[in-house]
Amino acid sequence: MAEHLVYTEEAKVRFLPGPCLKMKKKKKKTSMNCCSPQCGSAVYGLGFIGAAIYYISTAGGFWMGVLGVLKAIVWPVFLVFELLKYLGA
Protein backbone atom coordinates (compact mmCIF):
# COMPACT_ATOMS: atom_id res chain seq x y z
CA MET A 1 0.00 0.00 0.00
CA ALA A 2 1.15 3.46 -0.79
CA GLU A 3 1.25 5.95 2.05
CA HIS A 4 -0.37 9.31 1.50
CA LEU A 5 1.51 12.33 2.74
CA VAL A 6 -0.51 15.35 3.66
CA TYR A 7 1.29 18.69 3.79
CA THR A 8 -0.24 21.12 6.27
CA GLU A 9 0.85 24.28 8.09
CA GLU A 10 1.14 22.27 11.29
CA ALA A 11 3.54 19.83 9.65
CA LYS A 12 5.82 22.70 8.62
CA VAL A 13 6.00 24.08 12.15
CA ARG A 14 6.17 20.69 13.83
CA PHE A 15 9.18 19.37 11.94
CA LEU A 16 11.41 22.44 11.81
CA PRO A 17 14.73 21.82 13.59
CA GLY A 18 16.14 23.82 16.49
CA PRO A 19 14.40 26.55 18.45
CA CYS A 20 11.59 26.73 15.92
CA LEU A 21 10.04 23.66 17.54
CA LYS A 22 8.68 25.82 20.35
CA MET A 23 7.14 28.46 18.11
CA LYS A 24 3.38 28.41 17.90
CA LYS A 25 1.12 30.63 15.91
CA LYS A 26 -1.24 32.67 18.04
CA LYS A 27 -4.38 34.33 16.82
CA LYS A 28 -4.69 38.02 17.55
CA LYS A 29 -7.87 39.27 19.14
CA THR A 30 -9.41 42.07 17.17
CA SER A 31 -12.46 42.77 19.30
CA MET A 32 -12.52 44.46 22.70
CA ASN A 33 -14.61 42.82 25.38
CA CYS A 34 -15.43 45.32 28.12
CA CYS A 35 -16.25 42.52 30.53
CA SER A 36 -12.59 41.59 30.50
CA PRO A 37 -10.32 42.40 33.45
CA GLN A 38 -8.48 45.04 31.42
CA CYS A 39 -11.49 47.37 31.37
CA GLY A 40 -11.99 47.04 35.11
CA SER A 41 -8.33 47.72 35.70
CA ALA A 42 -8.54 50.96 33.73
CA VAL A 43 -11.52 52.17 35.76
CA TYR A 44 -9.84 51.20 39.01
CA GLY A 45 -6.60 52.89 37.94
CA LEU A 46 -8.31 56.15 37.05
CA GLY A 47 -10.28 56.00 40.28
CA PHE A 48 -7.09 55.38 42.25
CA ILE A 49 -5.37 58.39 40.69
CA GLY A 50 -8.36 60.62 41.32
CA ALA A 51 -8.78 59.43 44.90
CA ALA A 52 -5.06 59.80 45.62
CA ILE A 53 -5.06 63.36 44.31
CA TYR A 54 -8.13 64.21 46.39
CA TYR A 55 -6.94 62.62 49.64
CA ILE A 56 -3.40 63.98 49.37
CA SER A 57 -4.60 67.50 48.52
CA THR A 58 -6.88 67.55 51.58
CA ALA A 59 -4.27 66.03 53.92
CA GLY A 60 -3.11 68.22 56.81
CA GLY A 61 0.27 66.55 57.27
CA PHE A 62 2.61 63.83 56.08
CA TRP A 63 0.90 60.92 57.85
CA MET A 64 -2.52 62.08 56.70
CA GLY A 65 -1.12 61.98 53.15
CA VAL A 66 0.08 58.40 53.74
CA LEU A 67 -3.37 57.52 55.06
CA GLY A 68 -4.83 59.19 51.95
CA VAL A 69 -2.77 56.91 49.68
CA LEU A 70 -4.00 53.88 51.63
CA LYS A 71 -7.59 55.10 51.31
CA ALA A 72 -7.06 55.61 47.59
CA ILE A 73 -6.04 51.95 47.24
CA VAL A 74 -9.28 50.71 48.84
CA TRP A 75 -11.70 53.33 47.49
CA PRO A 76 -14.13 50.72 46.07
CA VAL A 77 -14.80 49.56 49.65
CA PHE A 78 -15.94 53.05 50.60
CA LEU A 79 -18.07 53.27 47.47
CA VAL A 80 -19.89 49.99 48.14
CA PHE A 81 -20.33 50.83 51.83
CA GLU A 82 -21.91 54.20 51.11
CA LEU A 83 -24.10 52.71 48.38
CA LEU A 84 -25.41 49.99 50.70
CA LYS A 85 -25.96 52.57 53.46
CA TYR A 86 -27.92 54.73 51.02
CA LEU A 87 -30.05 51.78 49.89
CA GLY A 88 -30.76 50.86 53.50
CA ALA A 89 -29.33 47.38 53.25
PDB file of N, CA and C in Angstrom:
ATOM      1  N   MET A   1       0.822  -1.192   0.000  1.00  0.00           N
ATOM      2  CA  MET A   1       0.000   0.000   0.000  1.00  0.00           C
ATOM      3  C   MET A   1       0.860   1.248   0.000  1.00  0.00           C
ATOM      4  N   ALA A   2       0.425   2.197  -0.720  1.00  0.00           N
ATOM      5  CA  ALA A   2       1.150   3.460  -0.786  1.00  0.00           C
ATOM      6  C   ALA A   2       0.667   4.377   0.334  1.00  0.00           C
ATOM      7  N   GLU A   3       1.618   5.020   0.989  1.00  0.00           N
ATOM      8  CA  GLU A   3       1.254   5.955   2.048  1.00  0.00           C
ATOM      9  C   GLU A   3       0.970   7.315   1.437  1.00  0.00           C
ATOM     10  N   HIS A   4      -0.017   7.971   1.966  1.00  0.00           N
ATOM     11  CA  HIS A   4      -0.372   9.309   1.496  1.00  0.00           C
ATOM     12  C   HIS A   4       0.218  10.332   2.452  1.00  0.00           C
ATOM     13  N   LEU A   5       0.948  11.267   1.936  1.00  0.00           N
ATOM     14  CA  LEU A   5       1.509  12.331   2.743  1.00  0.00           C
ATOM     15  C   LEU A   5       0.665  13.581   2.578  1.00  0.00           C
ATOM     16  N   VAL A   6       0.296  14.136   3.670  1.00  0.00           N
ATOM     17  CA  VAL A   6      -0.509  15.354   3.657  1.00  0.00           C
ATOM     18  C   VAL A   6       0.368  16.486   4.189  1.00  0.00           C
ATOM     19  N   TYR A   7       0.474  17.538   3.408  1.00  0.00           N
ATOM     20  CA  TYR A   7       1.287  18.694   3.785  1.00  0.00           C
ATOM     21  C   TYR A   7       0.381  19.767   4.364  1.00  0.00           C
ATOM     22  N   THR A   8       0.578  20.085   5.619  1.00  0.00           N
ATOM     23  CA  THR A   8      -0.236  21.117   6.272  1.00  0.00           C
ATOM     24  C   THR A   8       0.678  22.145   6.912  1.00  0.00           C
ATOM     25  N   GLU A   9       0.101  23.249   7.379  1.00  0.00           N
ATOM     26  CA  GLU A   9       0.851  24.275   8.086  1.00  0.00           C
ATOM     27  C   GLU A   9       1.429  23.706   9.378  1.00  0.00           C
ATOM     28  N   GLU A  10       0.666  22.861  10.047  1.00  0.00           N
ATOM     29  CA  GLU A  10       1.137  22.266  11.289  1.00  0.00           C
ATOM     30  C   GLU A  10       2.379  21.421  11.048  1.00  0.00           C
ATOM     31  N   ALA A  11       2.398  20.694   9.950  1.00  0.00           N
ATOM     32  CA  ALA A  11       3.539  19.832   9.647  1.00  0.00           C
ATOM     33  C   ALA A  11       4.793  20.671   9.441  1.00  0.00           C
ATOM     34  N   LYS A  12       4.661  21.826   8.824  1.00  0.00           N
ATOM     35  CA  LYS A  12       5.824  22.700   8.625  1.00  0.00           C
ATOM     36  C   LYS A  12       6.403  23.134   9.963  1.00  0.00           C
ATOM     37  N   VAL A  13       5.544  23.582  10.866  1.00  0.00           N
ATOM     38  CA  VAL A  13       5.999  24.082  12.151  1.00  0.00           C
ATOM     39  C   VAL A  13       6.499  22.939  13.018  1.00  0.00           C
ATOM     40  N   ARG A  14       5.840  21.812  12.967  1.00  0.00           N
ATOM     41  CA  ARG A  14       6.165  20.691  13.833  1.00  0.00           C
ATOM     42  C   ARG A  14       7.536  20.104  13.532  1.00  0.00           C
ATOM     43  N   PHE A  15       7.951  20.070  12.293  1.00  0.00           N
ATOM     44  CA  PHE A  15       9.176  19.372  11.942  1.00  0.00           C
ATOM     45  C   PHE A  15      10.356  20.289  11.654  1.00  0.00           C
ATOM     46  N   LEU A  16      10.265  21.552  11.982  1.00  0.00           N
ATOM     47  CA  LEU A  16      11.411  22.435  11.814  1.00  0.00           C
ATOM     48  C   LEU A  16      12.436  22.144  12.904  1.00  0.00           C
ATOM     49  N   PRO A  17      13.710  22.133  12.586  1.00  0.00           N
ATOM     50  CA  PRO A  17      14.729  21.818  13.586  1.00  0.00           C
ATOM     51  C   PRO A  17      15.047  23.026  14.468  1.00  0.00           C
ATOM     52  N   GLY A  18      15.635  22.768  15.621  1.00  0.00           N
ATOM     53  CA  GLY A  18      16.144  23.822  16.490  1.00  0.00           C
ATOM     54  C   GLY A  18      15.072  24.532  17.294  1.00  0.00           C
ATOM     55  N   PRO A  19      15.303  25.819  17.578  1.00  0.00           N
ATOM     56  CA  PRO A  19      14.398  26.550  18.452  1.00  0.00           C
ATOM     57  C   PRO A  19      13.026  26.797  17.832  1.00  0.00           C
ATOM     58  N   CYS A  20      12.880  26.516  16.561  1.00  0.00           N
ATOM     59  CA  CYS A  20      11.592  26.726  15.922  1.00  0.00           C
ATOM     60  C   CYS A  20      10.550  25.706  16.379  1.00  0.00           C
ATOM     61  N   LEU A  21      10.980  24.660  17.050  1.00  0.00           N
ATOM     62  CA  LEU A  21      10.036  23.660  17.536  1.00  0.00           C
ATOM     63  C   LEU A  21       9.067  24.251  18.549  1.00  0.00           C
ATOM     64  N   LYS A  22       9.514  25.244  19.305  1.00  0.00           N
ATOM     65  CA  LYS A  22       8.682  25.819  20.353  1.00  0.00           C
ATOM     66  C   LYS A  22       7.776  26.936  19.852  1.00  0.00           C
ATOM     67  N   MET A  23       7.949  27.354  18.627  1.00  0.00           N
ATOM     68  CA  MET A  23       7.140  28.455  18.107  1.00  0.00           C
ATOM     69  C   MET A  23       5.738  27.970  17.791  1.00  0.00           C
ATOM     70  N   LYS A  24       4.766  28.718  18.213  1.00  0.00           N
ATOM     71  CA  LYS A  24       3.379  28.413  17.904  1.00  0.00           C
ATOM     72  C   LYS A  24       2.732  29.670  17.356  1.00  0.00           C
ATOM     73  N   LYS A  25       1.839  29.480  16.437  1.00  0.00           N
ATOM     74  CA  LYS A  25       1.116  30.631  15.906  1.00  0.00           C
ATOM     75  C   LYS A  25      -0.034  30.958  16.840  1.00  0.00           C
ATOM     76  N   LYS A  26      -0.153  32.226  17.181  1.00  0.00           N
ATOM     77  CA  LYS A  26      -1.239  32.674  18.038  1.00  0.00           C
ATOM     78  C   LYS A  26      -2.136  33.598  17.249  1.00  0.00           C
ATOM     79  N   LYS A  27      -3.416  33.446  17.476  1.00  0.00           N
ATOM     80  CA  LYS A  27      -4.375  34.329  16.816  1.00  0.00           C
ATOM     81  C   LYS A  27      -4.491  35.619  17.607  1.00  0.00           C
ATOM     82  N   LYS A  28      -4.538  36.720  16.905  1.00  0.00           N
ATOM     83  CA  LYS A  28      -4.692  38.015  17.551  1.00  0.00           C
ATOM     84  C   LYS A  28      -6.173  38.316  17.726  1.00  0.00           C
ATOM     85  N   LYS A  29      -6.503  38.851  18.889  1.00  0.00           N
ATOM     86  CA  LYS A  29      -7.874  39.269  19.136  1.00  0.00           C
ATOM     87  C   LYS A  29      -8.082  40.639  18.517  1.00  0.00           C
ATOM     88  N   THR A  30      -9.146  40.780  17.794  1.00  0.00           N
ATOM     89  CA  THR A  30      -9.415  42.070  17.166  1.00  0.00           C
ATOM     90  C   THR A  30     -10.560  42.808  17.842  1.00  0.00           C
ATOM     91  N   SER A  31     -11.330  42.109  18.664  1.00  0.00           N
ATOM     92  CA  SER A  31     -12.464  42.768  19.301  1.00  0.00           C
ATOM     93  C   SER A  31     -12.143  43.036  20.764  1.00  0.00           C
ATOM     94  N   MET A  32     -12.736  44.081  21.302  1.00  0.00           N
ATOM     95  CA  MET A  32     -12.524  44.463  22.696  1.00  0.00           C
ATOM     96  C   MET A  32     -13.741  44.043  23.490  1.00  0.00           C
ATOM     97  N   ASN A  33     -13.532  43.271  24.522  1.00  0.00           N
ATOM     98  CA  ASN A  33     -14.612  42.823  25.382  1.00  0.00           C
ATOM     99  C   ASN A  33     -14.530  43.620  26.676  1.00  0.00           C
ATOM    100  N   CYS A  34     -15.501  44.462  26.938  1.00  0.00           N
ATOM    101  CA  CYS A  34     -15.429  45.315  28.119  1.00  0.00           C
ATOM    102  C   CYS A  34     -15.762  44.580  29.402  1.00  0.00           C
ATOM    103  N   CYS A  35     -16.086  43.325  29.323  1.00  0.00           N
ATOM    104  CA  CYS A  35     -16.254  42.523  30.526  1.00  0.00           C
ATOM    105  C   CYS A  35     -14.935  41.883  30.929  1.00  0.00           C
ATOM    106  N   SER A  36     -13.898  42.165  30.199  1.00  0.00           N
ATOM    107  CA  SER A  36     -12.593  41.588  30.500  1.00  0.00           C
ATOM    108  C   SER A  36     -11.949  42.349  31.657  1.00  0.00           C
ATOM    109  N   PRO A  37     -10.982  41.743  32.327  1.00  0.00           N
ATOM    110  CA  PRO A  37     -10.322  42.404  33.454  1.00  0.00           C
ATOM    111  C   PRO A  37      -9.594  43.683  33.072  1.00  0.00           C
ATOM    112  N   GLN A  38      -9.214  43.845  31.811  1.00  0.00           N
ATOM    113  CA  GLN A  38      -8.484  45.038  31.416  1.00  0.00           C
ATOM    114  C   GLN A  38      -9.338  46.283  31.559  1.00  0.00           C
ATOM    115  N   CYS A  39     -10.615  46.201  31.247  1.00  0.00           N
ATOM    116  CA  CYS A  39     -11.488  47.372  31.367  1.00  0.00           C
ATOM    117  C   CYS A  39     -11.684  47.756  32.826  1.00  0.00           C
ATOM    118  N   GLY A  40     -11.844  46.762  33.686  1.00  0.00           N
ATOM    119  CA  GLY A  40     -11.989  47.037  35.111  1.00  0.00           C
ATOM    120  C   GLY A  40     -10.732  47.634  35.692  1.00  0.00           C
ATOM    121  N   SER A  41      -9.597  47.197  35.207  1.00  0.00           N
ATOM    122  CA  SER A  41      -8.331  47.724  35.700  1.00  0.00           C
ATOM    123  C   SER A  41      -8.165  49.187  35.326  1.00  0.00           C
ATOM    124  N   ALA A  42      -8.636  49.558  34.156  1.00  0.00           N
ATOM    125  CA  ALA A  42      -8.542  50.956  33.733  1.00  0.00           C
ATOM    126  C   ALA A  42      -9.417  51.844  34.606  1.00  0.00           C
ATOM    127  N   VAL A  43     -10.619  51.386  34.904  1.00  0.00           N
ATOM    128  CA  VAL A  43     -11.524  52.169  35.758  1.00  0.00           C
ATOM    129  C   VAL A  43     -10.937  52.281  37.158  1.00  0.00           C
ATOM    130  N   TYR A  44     -10.435  51.174  37.679  1.00  0.00           N
ATOM    131  CA  TYR A  44      -9.839  51.200  39.008  1.00  0.00           C
ATOM    132  C   TYR A  44      -8.607  52.113  39.033  1.00  0.00           C
ATOM    133  N   GLY A  45      -7.793  52.053  37.997  1.00  0.00           N
ATOM    134  CA  GLY A  45      -6.597  52.888  37.945  1.00  0.00           C
ATOM    135  C   GLY A  45      -6.923  54.368  37.914  1.00  0.00           C
ATOM    136  N   LEU A  46      -7.901  54.738  37.091  1.00  0.00           N
ATOM    137  CA  LEU A  46      -8.308  56.148  37.046  1.00  0.00           C
ATOM    138  C   LEU A  46      -8.926  56.572  38.368  1.00  0.00           C
ATOM    139  N   GLY A  47      -9.704  55.694  38.978  1.00  0.00           N
ATOM    140  CA  GLY A  47     -10.281  55.998  40.284  1.00  0.00           C
ATOM    141  C   GLY A  47      -9.213  56.149  41.348  1.00  0.00           C
ATOM    142  N   PHE A  48      -8.195  55.293  41.290  1.00  0.00           N
ATOM    143  CA  PHE A  48      -7.089  55.378  42.249  1.00  0.00           C
ATOM    144  C   PHE A  48      -6.365  56.712  42.118  1.00  0.00           C
ATOM    145  N   ILE A  49      -6.084  57.115  40.896  1.00  0.00           N
ATOM    146  CA  ILE A  49      -5.370  58.385  40.686  1.00  0.00           C
ATOM    147  C   ILE A  49      -6.209  59.555  41.193  1.00  0.00           C
ATOM    148  N   GLY A  50      -7.487  59.542  40.856  1.00  0.00           N
ATOM    149  CA  GLY A  50      -8.359  60.624  41.320  1.00  0.00           C
ATOM    150  C   GLY A  50      -8.492  60.665  42.830  1.00  0.00           C
ATOM    151  N   ALA A  51      -8.658  59.485  43.443  1.00  0.00           N
ATOM    152  CA  ALA A  51      -8.784  59.429  44.900  1.00  0.00           C
ATOM    153  C   ALA A  51      -7.482  59.837  45.576  1.00  0.00           C
ATOM    154  N   ALA A  52      -6.352  59.422  45.032  1.00  0.00           N
ATOM    155  CA  ALA A  52      -5.064  59.798  45.617  1.00  0.00           C
ATOM    156  C   ALA A  52      -4.861  61.305  45.559  1.00  0.00           C
ATOM    157  N   ILE A  53      -5.193  61.901  44.431  1.00  0.00           N
ATOM    158  CA  ILE A  53      -5.060  63.361  44.310  1.00  0.00           C
ATOM    159  C   ILE A  53      -5.966  64.061  45.316  1.00  0.00           C
ATOM    160  N   TYR A  54      -7.197  63.588  45.461  1.00  0.00           N
ATOM    161  CA  TYR A  54      -8.134  64.211  46.395  1.00  0.00           C
ATOM    162  C   TYR A  54      -7.651  64.074  47.837  1.00  0.00           C
ATOM    163  N   TYR A  55      -7.335  62.845  48.245  1.00  0.00           N
ATOM    164  CA  TYR A  55      -6.938  62.619  49.641  1.00  0.00           C
ATOM    165  C   TYR A  55      -5.627  63.308  49.990  1.00  0.00           C
ATOM    166  N   ILE A  56      -4.672  63.330  49.081  1.00  0.00           N
ATOM    167  CA  ILE A  56      -3.395  63.982  49.373  1.00  0.00           C
ATOM    168  C   ILE A  56      -3.557  65.498  49.417  1.00  0.00           C
ATOM    169  N   SER A  57      -4.413  66.043  48.523  1.00  0.00           N
ATOM    170  CA  SER A  57      -4.596  67.499  48.519  1.00  0.00           C
ATOM    171  C   SER A  57      -5.337  67.989  49.756  1.00  0.00           C
ATOM    172  N   THR A  58      -6.157  67.139  50.378  1.00  0.00           N
ATOM    173  CA  THR A  58      -6.881  67.553  51.582  1.00  0.00           C
ATOM    174  C   THR A  58      -6.168  67.136  52.862  1.00  0.00           C
ATOM    175  N   ALA A  59      -5.012  66.483  52.739  1.00  0.00           N
ATOM    176  CA  ALA A  59      -4.269  66.027  53.922  1.00  0.00           C
ATOM    177  C   ALA A  59      -3.649  67.215  54.645  1.00  0.00           C
ATOM    178  N   GLY A  60      -3.672  67.137  56.001  1.00  0.00           N
ATOM    179  CA  GLY A  60      -3.113  68.216  56.811  1.00  0.00           C
ATOM    180  C   GLY A  60      -1.649  68.017  57.139  1.00  0.00           C
ATOM    181  N   GLY A  61      -1.131  66.831  56.952  1.00  0.00           N
ATOM    182  CA  GLY A  61       0.273  66.547  57.268  1.00  0.00           C
ATOM    183  C   GLY A  61       0.746  65.327  56.494  1.00  0.00           C
ATOM    184  N   PHE A  62       2.001  64.935  56.808  1.00  0.00           N
ATOM    185  CA  PHE A  62       2.605  63.826  56.083  1.00  0.00           C
ATOM    186  C   PHE A  62       1.847  62.524  56.309  1.00  0.00           C
ATOM    187  N   TRP A  63       1.556  62.196  57.561  1.00  0.00           N
ATOM    188  CA  TRP A  63       0.895  60.920  57.853  1.00  0.00           C
ATOM    189  C   TRP A  63      -0.540  60.901  57.362  1.00  0.00           C
ATOM    190  N   MET A  64      -1.179  62.043  57.298  1.00  0.00           N
ATOM    191  CA  MET A  64      -2.521  62.083  56.705  1.00  0.00           C
ATOM    192  C   MET A  64      -2.439  61.840  55.205  1.00  0.00           C
ATOM    193  N   GLY A  65      -1.350  62.277  54.571  1.00  0.00           N
ATOM    194  CA  GLY A  65      -1.120  61.979  53.154  1.00  0.00           C
ATOM    195  C   GLY A  65      -0.894  60.495  52.915  1.00  0.00           C
ATOM    196  N   VAL A  66      -0.133  59.852  53.830  1.00  0.00           N
ATOM    197  CA  VAL A  66       0.081  58.400  53.739  1.00  0.00           C
ATOM    198  C   VAL A  66      -1.243  57.676  53.914  1.00  0.00           C
ATOM    199  N   LEU A  67      -2.037  58.109  54.872  1.00  0.00           N
ATOM    200  CA  LEU A  67      -3.368  57.524  55.061  1.00  0.00           C
ATOM    201  C   LEU A  67      -4.234  57.754  53.828  1.00  0.00           C
ATOM    202  N   GLY A  68      -4.087  58.903  53.183  1.00  0.00           N
ATOM    203  CA  GLY A  68      -4.830  59.186  51.952  1.00  0.00           C
ATOM    204  C   GLY A  68      -4.470  58.233  50.830  1.00  0.00           C
ATOM    205  N   VAL A  69      -3.184  57.883  50.704  1.00  0.00           N
ATOM    206  CA  VAL A  69      -2.775  56.912  49.677  1.00  0.00           C
ATOM    207  C   VAL A  69      -3.388  55.550  49.984  1.00  0.00           C
ATOM    208  N   LEU A  70      -3.387  55.161  51.262  1.00  0.00           N
ATOM    209  CA  LEU A  70      -3.998  53.881  51.632  1.00  0.00           C
ATOM    210  C   LEU A  70      -5.502  53.879  51.352  1.00  0.00           C
ATOM    211  N   LYS A  71      -6.152  54.988  51.621  1.00  0.00           N
ATOM    212  CA  LYS A  71      -7.589  55.096  51.310  1.00  0.00           C
ATOM    213  C   LYS A  71      -7.826  55.040  49.810  1.00  0.00           C
ATOM    214  N   ALA A  72      -6.914  55.629  49.044  1.00  0.00           N
ATOM    215  CA  ALA A  72      -7.064  55.612  47.586  1.00  0.00           C
ATOM    216  C   ALA A  72      -6.952  54.197  47.037  1.00  0.00           C
ATOM    217  N   ILE A  73      -6.173  53.340  47.696  1.00  0.00           N
ATOM    218  CA  ILE A  73      -6.042  51.947  47.242  1.00  0.00           C
ATOM    219  C   ILE A  73      -7.358  51.190  47.430  1.00  0.00           C
ATOM    220  N   VAL A  74      -8.058  51.464  48.527  1.00  0.00           N
ATOM    221  CA  VAL A  74      -9.285  50.709  48.844  1.00  0.00           C
ATOM    222  C   VAL A  74     -10.551  51.531  48.617  1.00  0.00           C
ATOM    223  N   TRP A  75     -10.528  52.478  47.712  1.00  0.00           N
ATOM    224  CA  TRP A  75     -11.697  53.331  47.490  1.00  0.00           C
ATOM    225  C   TRP A  75     -12.954  52.567  47.081  1.00  0.00           C
ATOM    226  N   PRO A  76     -12.876  51.432  46.384  1.00  0.00           N
ATOM    227  CA  PRO A  76     -14.125  50.725  46.067  1.00  0.00           C
ATOM    228  C   PRO A  76     -14.870  50.253  47.316  1.00  0.00           C
ATOM    229  N   VAL A  77     -14.152  49.976  48.402  1.00  0.00           N
ATOM    230  CA  VAL A  77     -14.801  49.560  49.645  1.00  0.00           C
ATOM    231  C   VAL A  77     -15.683  50.690  50.166  1.00  0.00           C
ATOM    232  N   PHE A  78     -15.152  51.908  50.150  1.00  0.00           N
ATOM    233  CA  PHE A  78     -15.939  53.053  50.601  1.00  0.00           C
ATOM    234  C   PHE A  78     -17.155  53.273  49.706  1.00  0.00           C
ATOM    235  N   LEU A  79     -16.972  53.088  48.424  1.00  0.00           N
ATOM    236  CA  LEU A  79     -18.071  53.275  47.475  1.00  0.00           C
ATOM    237  C   LEU A  79     -19.202  52.285  47.737  1.00  0.00           C
ATOM    238  N   VAL A  80     -18.869  51.015  47.894  1.00  0.00           N
ATOM    239  CA  VAL A  80     -19.895  49.991  48.137  1.00  0.00           C
ATOM    240  C   VAL A  80     -20.543  50.205  49.496  1.00  0.00           C
ATOM    241  N   PHE A  81     -19.762  50.568  50.510  1.00  0.00           N
ATOM    242  CA  PHE A  81     -20.327  50.827  51.828  1.00  0.00           C
ATOM    243  C   PHE A  81     -21.341  51.948  51.812  1.00  0.00           C
ATOM    244  N   GLU A  82     -20.981  53.064  51.182  1.00  0.00           N
ATOM    245  CA  GLU A  82     -21.910  54.202  51.112  1.00  0.00           C
ATOM    246  C   GLU A  82     -23.142  53.863  50.269  1.00  0.00           C
ATOM    247  N   LEU A  83     -22.968  53.100  49.205  1.00  0.00           N
ATOM    248  CA  LEU A  83     -24.102  52.708  48.375  1.00  0.00           C
ATOM    249  C   LEU A  83     -25.059  51.828  49.161  1.00  0.00           C
ATOM    250  N   LEU A  84     -24.539  50.863  49.899  1.00  0.00           N
ATOM    251  CA  LEU A  84     -25.413  49.992  50.701  1.00  0.00           C
ATOM    252  C   LEU A  84     -26.082  50.765  51.825  1.00  0.00           C
ATOM    253  N   LYS A  85     -25.367  51.737  52.417  1.00  0.00           N
ATOM    254  CA  LYS A  85     -25.958  52.570  53.464  1.00  0.00           C
ATOM    255  C   LYS A  85     -27.099  53.409  52.886  1.00  0.00           C
ATOM    256  N   TYR A  86     -26.897  53.927  51.675  1.00  0.00           N
ATOM    257  CA  TYR A  86     -27.925  54.730  51.025  1.00  0.00           C
ATOM    258  C   TYR A  86     -29.157  53.893  50.690  1.00  0.00           C
ATOM    259  N   LEU A  87     -28.924  52.663  50.240  1.00  0.00           N
ATOM    260  CA  LEU A  87     -30.049  51.778  49.887  1.00  0.00           C
ATOM    261  C   LEU A  87     -30.743  51.192  51.110  1.00  0.00           C
ATOM    262  N   GLY A  88     -30.154  51.347  52.274  1.00  0.00           N
ATOM    263  CA  GLY A  88     -30.761  50.861  53.501  1.00  0.00           C
ATOM    264  C   GLY A  88     -30.558  49.372  53.713  1.00  0.00           C
ATOM    265  N   ALA A  89     -29.576  48.814  53.107  1.00  0.00           N
ATOM    266  CA  ALA A  89     -29.333  47.382  53.254  1.00  0.00           C
ATOM    267  C   ALA A  89     -28.529  47.082  54.487  1.00  0.00           C
TER     268      ALA A  89
END
